[in-house]
Amino acid sequence: MPKVTLRNTFHVRNTPEALHAHLSQPQSYVGLSPMVVAVKDVEQGDSETRYTSVERFRFFGLVKYDNMIKVTLRSTPRTVEGEVDSPGGVRLDYRFTLNEKNGGTEVEDILVVHAWVRPLLGYAAKKAREVQLARAGVLAARLGSAP
């Protein structure tokens, strides 16, 4: 299965603990990706959380399609990571590594996008990169100042 790895490192003026707490909650992903409009069916396990994320696509400004994607979320003291399985044959592996730096947190955001065919991979990687770059600004806006 072809794949593409995307990386973005950015700084947020808050503690690693605050970012970890935020990124460990499924509800935090609504709006963190501009396409995610809801989460549902949250199941909290001992070592991971599973849920369905509602990803909304608009085509030609008129047609709306809600893609139900399965998400697995896990964390360690300095990372939040997991997998996203889309019914369209796209899978994402993601990891946020959180390191204290310069009075805040350096966030390393890594996405590995997998798809069955290259044209689909190109489209999915382009969308994933847009979301990844937007996410830095959203996190800074949400958590940009230490309490």
N, C-alpha and C. Protein backbone atom coordinates (compact mmCIF):
# COMPACT_ATOMS: atom_id res chain seq x y z
N MET A 1 0.85 -1.18 0.00
CA MET A 1 0.00 0.00 0.00
C MET A 1 0.90 1.24 0.00
N PRO A 2 0.73 2.13 -0.98
CA PRO A 2 1.56 3.35 -1.02
C PRO A 2 1.28 4.24 0.19
N LYS A 3 2.31 5.02 0.59
CA LYS A 3 2.14 5.92 1.72
C LYS A 3 2.98 7.18 1.54
N VAL A 4 2.58 8.21 2.29
CA VAL A 4 3.29 9.49 2.31
C VAL A 4 3.41 9.91 3.77
N THR A 5 4.59 10.39 4.18
CA THR A 5 4.78 10.89 5.54
C THR A 5 4.85 12.41 5.51
N LEU A 6 4.06 13.03 6.39
CA LEU A 6 3.98 14.49 6.48
C LEU A 6 4.41 14.91 7.89
N ARG A 7 5.25 15.94 7.99
CA ARG A 7 5.73 16.41 9.29
C ARG A 7 5.54 17.92 9.40
N ASN A 8 5.18 18.34 10.60
CA ASN A 8 5.10 19.76 10.91
C ASN A 8 5.48 19.94 12.37
N THR A 9 6.40 20.85 12.64
CA THR A 9 6.80 21.15 14.01
C THR A 9 6.46 22.61 14.27
N PHE A 10 5.81 22.86 15.42
CA PHE A 10 5.40 24.22 15.76
C PHE A 10 5.42 24.38 17.27
N HIS A 11 5.28 25.61 17.73
CA HIS A 11 5.36 25.94 19.14
C HIS A 11 4.02 26.49 19.63
N VAL A 12 3.62 26.06 20.82
CA VAL A 12 2.41 26.57 21.46
C VAL A 12 2.81 27.05 22.85
N ARG A 13 2.37 28.25 23.21
CA ARG A 13 2.72 28.82 24.51
C ARG A 13 1.81 28.26 25.60
N ASN A 14 2.03 27.00 25.93
CA ASN A 14 1.34 26.36 27.03
C ASN A 14 2.15 25.12 27.40
N THR A 15 1.78 24.47 28.45
CA THR A 15 2.55 23.34 28.94
C THR A 15 2.28 22.08 28.12
N PRO A 16 3.26 21.16 28.09
CA PRO A 16 3.00 19.88 27.44
C PRO A 16 1.79 19.16 28.06
N GLU A 17 1.61 19.30 29.36
CA GLU A 17 0.49 18.66 30.04
C GLU A 17 -0.85 19.19 29.54
N ALA A 18 -0.94 20.50 29.30
CA ALA A 18 -2.18 21.09 28.80
C ALA A 18 -2.48 20.59 27.38
N LEU A 19 -1.46 20.55 26.54
CA LEU A 19 -1.67 20.04 25.19
C LEU A 19 -2.01 18.56 25.21
N HIS A 20 -1.33 17.80 26.06
CA HIS A 20 -1.60 16.37 26.17
C HIS A 20 -3.06 16.14 26.58
N ALA A 21 -3.52 16.85 27.58
CA ALA A 21 -4.91 16.70 28.05
C ALA A 21 -5.89 17.03 26.93
N HIS A 22 -5.61 18.08 26.18
CA HIS A 22 -6.51 18.49 25.09
C HIS A 22 -6.52 17.45 23.96
N LEU A 23 -5.35 17.02 23.53
CA LEU A 23 -5.25 16.09 22.41
C LEU A 23 -5.69 14.67 22.77
N SER A 24 -5.83 14.38 24.05
CA SER A 24 -6.26 13.05 24.49
C SER A 24 -7.77 12.90 24.55
N GLN A 25 -8.51 13.97 24.26
CA GLN A 25 -9.97 13.95 24.31
C GLN A 25 -10.56 13.96 22.90
N PRO A 26 -11.36 12.97 22.54
CA PRO A 26 -11.94 12.94 21.19
C PRO A 26 -12.67 14.23 20.81
N GLN A 27 -13.39 14.83 21.75
CA GLN A 27 -14.16 16.04 21.44
C GLN A 27 -13.27 17.20 21.01
N SER A 28 -12.01 17.18 21.41
CA SER A 28 -11.08 18.26 21.02
C SER A 28 -10.80 18.28 19.53
N TYR A 29 -11.04 17.17 18.84
CA TYR A 29 -10.73 17.09 17.42
C TYR A 29 -11.79 17.75 16.53
N VAL A 30 -12.95 18.07 17.12
CA VAL A 30 -13.95 18.83 16.37
C VAL A 30 -13.37 20.23 16.16
N GLY A 31 -13.21 20.60 14.91
CA GLY A 31 -12.63 21.89 14.58
C GLY A 31 -11.11 21.90 14.56
N LEU A 32 -10.47 20.94 15.21
CA LEU A 32 -9.01 20.85 15.13
C LEU A 32 -8.62 20.48 13.72
N SER A 33 -9.45 19.67 13.10
CA SER A 33 -9.41 19.48 11.66
C SER A 33 -10.63 20.24 11.13
N PRO A 34 -10.45 21.13 10.19
CA PRO A 34 -11.59 21.89 9.69
C PRO A 34 -12.71 21.01 9.11
N MET A 35 -12.39 19.77 8.76
CA MET A 35 -13.39 18.88 8.18
C MET A 35 -14.16 18.09 9.24
N VAL A 36 -13.62 17.98 10.47
CA VAL A 36 -14.28 17.20 11.51
C VAL A 36 -15.35 18.06 12.18
N VAL A 37 -16.61 17.60 12.07
CA VAL A 37 -17.72 18.38 12.60
C VAL A 37 -18.36 17.74 13.84
N ALA A 38 -18.04 16.48 14.14
CA ALA A 38 -18.60 15.81 15.31
C ALA A 38 -17.82 14.54 15.60
N VAL A 39 -17.94 14.08 16.86
CA VAL A 39 -17.46 12.76 17.24
C VAL A 39 -18.60 12.06 17.95
N LYS A 40 -18.64 10.73 17.81
CA LYS A 40 -19.71 9.96 18.45
C LYS A 40 -19.21 8.56 18.75
N ASP A 41 -20.03 7.82 19.46
CA ASP A 41 -19.73 6.42 19.80
C ASP A 41 -18.37 6.27 20.48
N VAL A 42 -18.09 7.13 21.45
CA VAL A 42 -16.80 7.10 22.16
C VAL A 42 -16.78 5.91 23.12
N GLU A 43 -15.74 5.09 23.00
CA GLU A 43 -15.54 3.94 23.88
C GLU A 43 -14.16 4.07 24.52
N GLN A 44 -14.15 4.29 25.83
CA GLN A 44 -12.89 4.45 26.57
C GLN A 44 -12.44 3.11 27.11
N GLY A 45 -11.26 2.64 26.67
CA GLY A 45 -10.69 1.40 27.18
C GLY A 45 -9.56 1.69 28.14
N ASP A 46 -8.90 0.64 28.61
CA ASP A 46 -7.78 0.82 29.54
C ASP A 46 -6.59 1.51 28.89
N SER A 47 -6.28 1.15 27.66
CA SER A 47 -5.08 1.68 27.02
C SER A 47 -5.36 2.52 25.78
N GLU A 48 -6.64 2.60 25.37
CA GLU A 48 -6.95 3.39 24.18
C GLU A 48 -8.41 3.81 24.19
N THR A 49 -8.69 4.81 23.37
CA THR A 49 -10.05 5.29 23.17
C THR A 49 -10.39 5.08 21.70
N ARG A 50 -11.58 4.57 21.45
CA ARG A 50 -12.06 4.39 20.08
C ARG A 50 -13.32 5.22 19.91
N TYR A 51 -13.45 5.83 18.73
CA TYR A 51 -14.64 6.63 18.45
C TYR A 51 -14.83 6.79 16.95
N THR A 52 -15.97 7.33 16.59
CA THR A 52 -16.26 7.65 15.20
C THR A 52 -16.19 9.16 15.05
N SER A 53 -15.47 9.59 14.06
CA SER A 53 -15.34 11.01 13.74
C SER A 53 -16.14 11.28 12.47
N VAL A 54 -16.91 12.35 12.49
CA VAL A 54 -17.71 12.73 11.32
C VAL A 54 -16.93 13.80 10.56
N GLU A 55 -16.49 13.42 9.38
CA GLU A 55 -15.70 14.29 8.52
C GLU A 55 -16.60 14.77 7.38
N ARG A 56 -16.79 16.07 7.28
CA ARG A 56 -17.71 16.61 6.28
C ARG A 56 -16.97 17.15 5.07
N PHE A 57 -17.39 16.66 3.91
CA PHE A 57 -16.87 17.14 2.64
C PHE A 57 -17.97 17.89 1.91
N ARG A 58 -17.58 18.92 1.20
CA ARG A 58 -18.52 19.64 0.34
C ARG A 58 -17.96 19.62 -1.08
N PHE A 59 -18.82 19.29 -2.00
CA PHE A 59 -18.44 19.24 -3.41
C PHE A 59 -19.22 20.29 -4.17
N PHE A 60 -18.51 21.10 -4.92
CA PHE A 60 -19.12 22.14 -5.74
C PHE A 60 -19.94 23.12 -4.90
N GLY A 61 -19.65 23.19 -3.60
CA GLY A 61 -20.36 24.11 -2.72
C GLY A 61 -21.79 23.72 -2.42
N LEU A 62 -22.29 22.66 -3.05
CA LEU A 62 -23.70 22.30 -2.89
C LEU A 62 -23.91 20.94 -2.26
N VAL A 63 -23.12 19.99 -2.66
CA VAL A 63 -23.31 18.61 -2.22
C VAL A 63 -22.51 18.37 -0.94
N LYS A 64 -23.18 17.88 0.10
CA LYS A 64 -22.53 17.60 1.37
C LYS A 64 -22.44 16.08 1.55
N TYR A 65 -21.27 15.62 1.98
CA TYR A 65 -21.09 14.20 2.25
C TYR A 65 -20.41 14.05 3.61
N ASP A 66 -21.01 13.30 4.52
CA ASP A 66 -20.42 13.03 5.82
C ASP A 66 -19.74 11.66 5.79
N ASN A 67 -18.44 11.67 5.96
CA ASN A 67 -17.63 10.46 5.96
C ASN A 67 -17.43 10.03 7.41
N MET A 68 -17.87 8.84 7.74
CA MET A 68 -17.72 8.31 9.10
C MET A 68 -16.40 7.56 9.18
N ILE A 69 -15.49 8.06 9.98
CA ILE A 69 -14.19 7.43 10.08
C ILE A 69 -13.98 6.88 11.49
N LYS A 70 -13.34 5.75 11.56
CA LYS A 70 -13.03 5.09 12.83
C LYS A 70 -11.67 5.57 13.31
N VAL A 71 -11.63 5.99 14.56
CA VAL A 71 -10.40 6.54 15.13
C VAL A 71 -10.02 5.76 16.39
N THR A 72 -8.74 5.48 16.52
CA THR A 72 -8.18 4.91 17.73
C THR A 72 -7.18 5.93 18.27
N LEU A 73 -7.27 6.21 19.57
CA LEU A 73 -6.46 7.24 20.22
C LEU A 73 -5.75 6.62 21.42
N ARG A 74 -4.43 6.81 21.49
CA ARG A 74 -3.63 6.32 22.62
C ARG A 74 -2.68 7.43 23.06
N SER A 75 -2.20 7.33 24.30
CA SER A 75 -1.23 8.33 24.73
C SER A 75 -0.22 7.75 25.71
N THR A 76 0.94 8.39 25.71
CA THR A 76 1.99 8.15 26.69
C THR A 76 2.23 9.52 27.33
N PRO A 77 3.10 9.64 28.31
CA PRO A 77 3.28 10.95 28.94
C PRO A 77 3.68 12.08 27.97
N ARG A 78 4.38 11.78 26.89
CA ARG A 78 4.81 12.85 25.97
C ARG A 78 4.27 12.71 24.55
N THR A 79 3.39 11.74 24.31
CA THR A 79 2.83 11.60 22.97
C THR A 79 1.34 11.33 23.03
N VAL A 80 0.68 11.69 21.94
CA VAL A 80 -0.69 11.27 21.66
C VAL A 80 -0.64 10.74 20.25
N GLU A 81 -1.15 9.52 20.06
CA GLU A 81 -1.02 8.89 18.74
C GLU A 81 -2.21 8.00 18.47
N GLY A 82 -2.30 7.55 17.22
CA GLY A 82 -3.36 6.62 16.89
C GLY A 82 -3.48 6.39 15.40
N GLU A 83 -4.64 5.83 15.04
CA GLU A 83 -4.92 5.50 13.65
C GLU A 83 -6.31 6.00 13.29
N VAL A 84 -6.45 6.32 12.02
CA VAL A 84 -7.73 6.73 11.44
C VAL A 84 -7.99 5.81 10.26
N ASP A 85 -9.14 5.14 10.25
CA ASP A 85 -9.53 4.28 9.12
C ASP A 85 -10.76 4.86 8.46
N SER A 86 -10.61 5.22 7.21
CA SER A 86 -11.71 5.78 6.44
C SER A 86 -12.31 4.70 5.55
N PRO A 87 -13.63 4.71 5.40
CA PRO A 87 -14.24 3.70 4.53
C PRO A 87 -13.80 3.80 3.07
N GLY A 88 -13.21 4.91 2.69
CA GLY A 88 -12.77 5.09 1.31
C GLY A 88 -11.43 4.46 0.98
N GLY A 89 -10.88 3.66 1.89
CA GLY A 89 -9.60 3.01 1.60
C GLY A 89 -8.40 3.85 1.97
N VAL A 90 -8.59 4.85 2.81
CA VAL A 90 -7.50 5.69 3.27
C VAL A 90 -7.27 5.42 4.75
N ARG A 91 -6.02 5.31 5.15
CA ARG A 91 -5.67 5.15 6.57
C ARG A 91 -4.62 6.18 6.92
N LEU A 92 -4.75 6.75 8.11
CA LEU A 92 -3.76 7.69 8.62
C LEU A 92 -3.22 7.17 9.94
N ASP A 93 -1.93 7.19 10.10
CA ASP A 93 -1.30 6.97 11.40
C ASP A 93 -0.81 8.34 11.83
N TYR A 94 -1.05 8.71 13.09
CA TYR A 94 -0.64 10.03 13.52
C TYR A 94 0.05 9.96 14.88
N ARG A 95 0.92 10.95 15.11
CA ARG A 95 1.59 11.07 16.41
C ARG A 95 1.90 12.53 16.66
N PHE A 96 1.52 12.98 17.84
CA PHE A 96 1.93 14.29 18.34
C PHE A 96 2.96 14.02 19.44
N THR A 97 4.18 14.53 19.27
CA THR A 97 5.20 14.45 20.30
C THR A 97 5.31 15.83 20.93
N LEU A 98 5.22 15.87 22.26
CA LEU A 98 5.14 17.13 23.01
C LEU A 98 6.38 17.29 23.88
N ASN A 99 7.17 18.33 23.62
CA ASN A 99 8.39 18.58 24.40
C ASN A 99 8.39 20.01 24.91
N GLU A 100 8.69 20.15 26.19
CA GLU A 100 8.78 21.49 26.78
C GLU A 100 9.94 22.23 26.14
N LYS A 101 9.66 23.48 25.71
CA LYS A 101 10.70 24.26 25.05
C LYS A 101 10.31 25.73 25.04
N ASN A 102 11.24 26.60 25.37
CA ASN A 102 11.06 28.05 25.28
C ASN A 102 9.79 28.54 25.96
N GLY A 103 9.53 28.08 27.16
CA GLY A 103 8.36 28.55 27.91
C GLY A 103 7.04 28.03 27.39
N GLY A 104 7.07 26.99 26.62
CA GLY A 104 5.85 26.41 26.08
C GLY A 104 6.11 24.98 25.64
N THR A 105 5.48 24.60 24.55
CA THR A 105 5.61 23.23 24.05
C THR A 105 5.93 23.22 22.57
N GLU A 106 6.96 22.47 22.23
CA GLU A 106 7.23 22.19 20.83
C GLU A 106 6.43 20.95 20.47
N VAL A 107 5.60 21.07 19.44
CA VAL A 107 4.75 19.97 18.99
C VAL A 107 5.29 19.46 17.67
N GLU A 108 5.63 18.18 17.64
CA GLU A 108 5.99 17.55 16.37
C GLU A 108 4.77 16.73 15.95
N ASP A 109 4.18 17.10 14.83
CA ASP A 109 2.96 16.50 14.29
C ASP A 109 3.36 15.66 13.08
N ILE A 110 3.25 14.34 13.20
CA ILE A 110 3.62 13.44 12.10
C ILE A 110 2.39 12.67 11.66
N LEU A 111 2.13 12.69 10.37
CA LEU A 111 1.04 11.94 9.76
C LEU A 111 1.63 11.01 8.70
N VAL A 112 1.19 9.77 8.71
CA VAL A 112 1.54 8.85 7.63
C VAL A 112 0.22 8.48 6.96
N VAL A 113 0.10 8.85 5.69
CA VAL A 113 -1.13 8.63 4.93
C VAL A 113 -0.94 7.41 4.05
N HIS A 114 -1.87 6.46 4.13
CA HIS A 114 -1.83 5.24 3.32
C HIS A 114 -3.10 5.22 2.46
N ALA A 115 -2.98 4.76 1.22
CA ALA A 115 -4.15 4.58 0.36
C ALA A 115 -3.86 3.45 -0.62
N TRP A 116 -4.93 2.85 -1.10
CA TRP A 116 -4.80 1.68 -1.99
C TRP A 116 -4.23 2.03 -3.35
N VAL A 117 -4.54 3.22 -3.85
CA VAL A 117 -4.06 3.62 -5.18
C VAL A 117 -3.45 5.01 -5.12
N ARG A 118 -2.49 5.27 -5.97
CA ARG A 118 -1.76 6.54 -5.93
C ARG A 118 -2.63 7.78 -6.14
N PRO A 119 -3.59 7.80 -7.06
CA PRO A 119 -4.41 9.01 -7.20
C PRO A 119 -5.16 9.35 -5.90
N LEU A 120 -5.67 8.34 -5.24
CA LEU A 120 -6.36 8.55 -3.97
C LEU A 120 -5.36 9.01 -2.91
N LEU A 121 -4.17 8.44 -2.92
CA LEU A 121 -3.14 8.86 -1.98
C LEU A 121 -2.78 10.33 -2.17
N GLY A 122 -2.66 10.76 -3.42
CA GLY A 122 -2.34 12.16 -3.69
C GLY A 122 -3.40 13.10 -3.14
N TYR A 123 -4.67 12.78 -3.37
CA TYR A 123 -5.77 13.60 -2.87
C TYR A 123 -5.78 13.59 -1.34
N ALA A 124 -5.67 12.41 -0.73
CA ALA A 124 -5.72 12.29 0.73
C ALA A 124 -4.53 13.01 1.38
N ALA A 125 -3.35 12.88 0.78
CA ALA A 125 -2.17 13.54 1.34
C ALA A 125 -2.29 15.05 1.24
N LYS A 126 -2.85 15.55 0.15
CA LYS A 126 -3.05 17.00 0.01
C LYS A 126 -4.00 17.52 1.08
N LYS A 127 -5.12 16.83 1.29
CA LYS A 127 -6.09 17.24 2.31
C LYS A 127 -5.48 17.12 3.71
N ALA A 128 -4.74 16.03 3.95
CA ALA A 128 -4.12 15.83 5.27
C ALA A 128 -3.10 16.93 5.56
N ARG A 129 -2.35 17.35 4.56
CA ARG A 129 -1.36 18.42 4.76
C ARG A 129 -2.05 19.74 5.07
N GLU A 130 -3.15 20.04 4.38
CA GLU A 130 -3.91 21.26 4.68
C GLU A 130 -4.38 21.26 6.13
N VAL A 131 -4.91 20.12 6.56
CA VAL A 131 -5.40 19.99 7.94
C VAL A 131 -4.23 20.11 8.92
N GLN A 132 -3.13 19.45 8.63
CA GLN A 132 -1.98 19.47 9.52
C GLN A 132 -1.47 20.90 9.72
N LEU A 133 -1.36 21.66 8.66
CA LEU A 133 -0.87 23.03 8.78
C LEU A 133 -1.87 23.92 9.50
N ALA A 134 -3.16 23.72 9.26
CA ALA A 134 -4.20 24.50 9.95
C ALA A 134 -4.22 24.16 11.44
N ARG A 135 -3.94 22.91 11.78
CA ARG A 135 -4.01 22.46 13.17
C ARG A 135 -3.06 23.25 14.07
N ALA A 136 -1.90 23.63 13.57
CA ALA A 136 -0.95 24.41 14.36
C ALA A 136 -1.59 25.72 14.82
N GLY A 137 -2.26 26.39 13.92
CA GLY A 137 -2.93 27.65 14.27
C GLY A 137 -4.10 27.45 15.21
N VAL A 138 -4.86 26.38 15.01
CA VAL A 138 -6.01 26.11 15.88
C VAL A 138 -5.53 25.82 17.30
N LEU A 139 -4.51 24.99 17.43
CA LEU A 139 -3.99 24.69 18.77
C LEU A 139 -3.42 25.95 19.45
N ALA A 140 -2.73 26.77 18.69
CA ALA A 140 -2.19 28.01 19.26
C ALA A 140 -3.33 28.93 19.71
N ALA A 141 -4.40 28.99 18.93
CA ALA A 141 -5.55 29.83 19.30
C ALA A 141 -6.27 29.27 20.52
N ARG A 142 -6.42 27.96 20.59
CA ARG A 142 -7.12 27.34 21.72
C ARG A 142 -6.32 27.35 23.01
N LEU A 143 -5.03 27.08 22.88
CA LEU A 143 -4.20 26.86 24.08
C LEU A 143 -2.97 27.76 24.13
N GLY A 144 -2.99 28.84 23.40
CA GLY A 144 -1.80 29.64 23.21
C GLY A 144 -1.22 30.35 24.41
N SER A 145 -1.92 30.45 25.49
CA SER A 145 -1.39 31.12 26.67
C SER A 145 -1.45 30.20 27.87
N ALA A 146 -0.34 30.10 28.55
CA ALA A 146 -0.30 29.27 29.76
C ALA A 146 -1.22 29.87 30.82
N PRO A 147 -1.88 29.02 31.60
CA PRO A 147 -2.77 29.55 32.64
C PRO A 147 -2.02 30.30 33.72
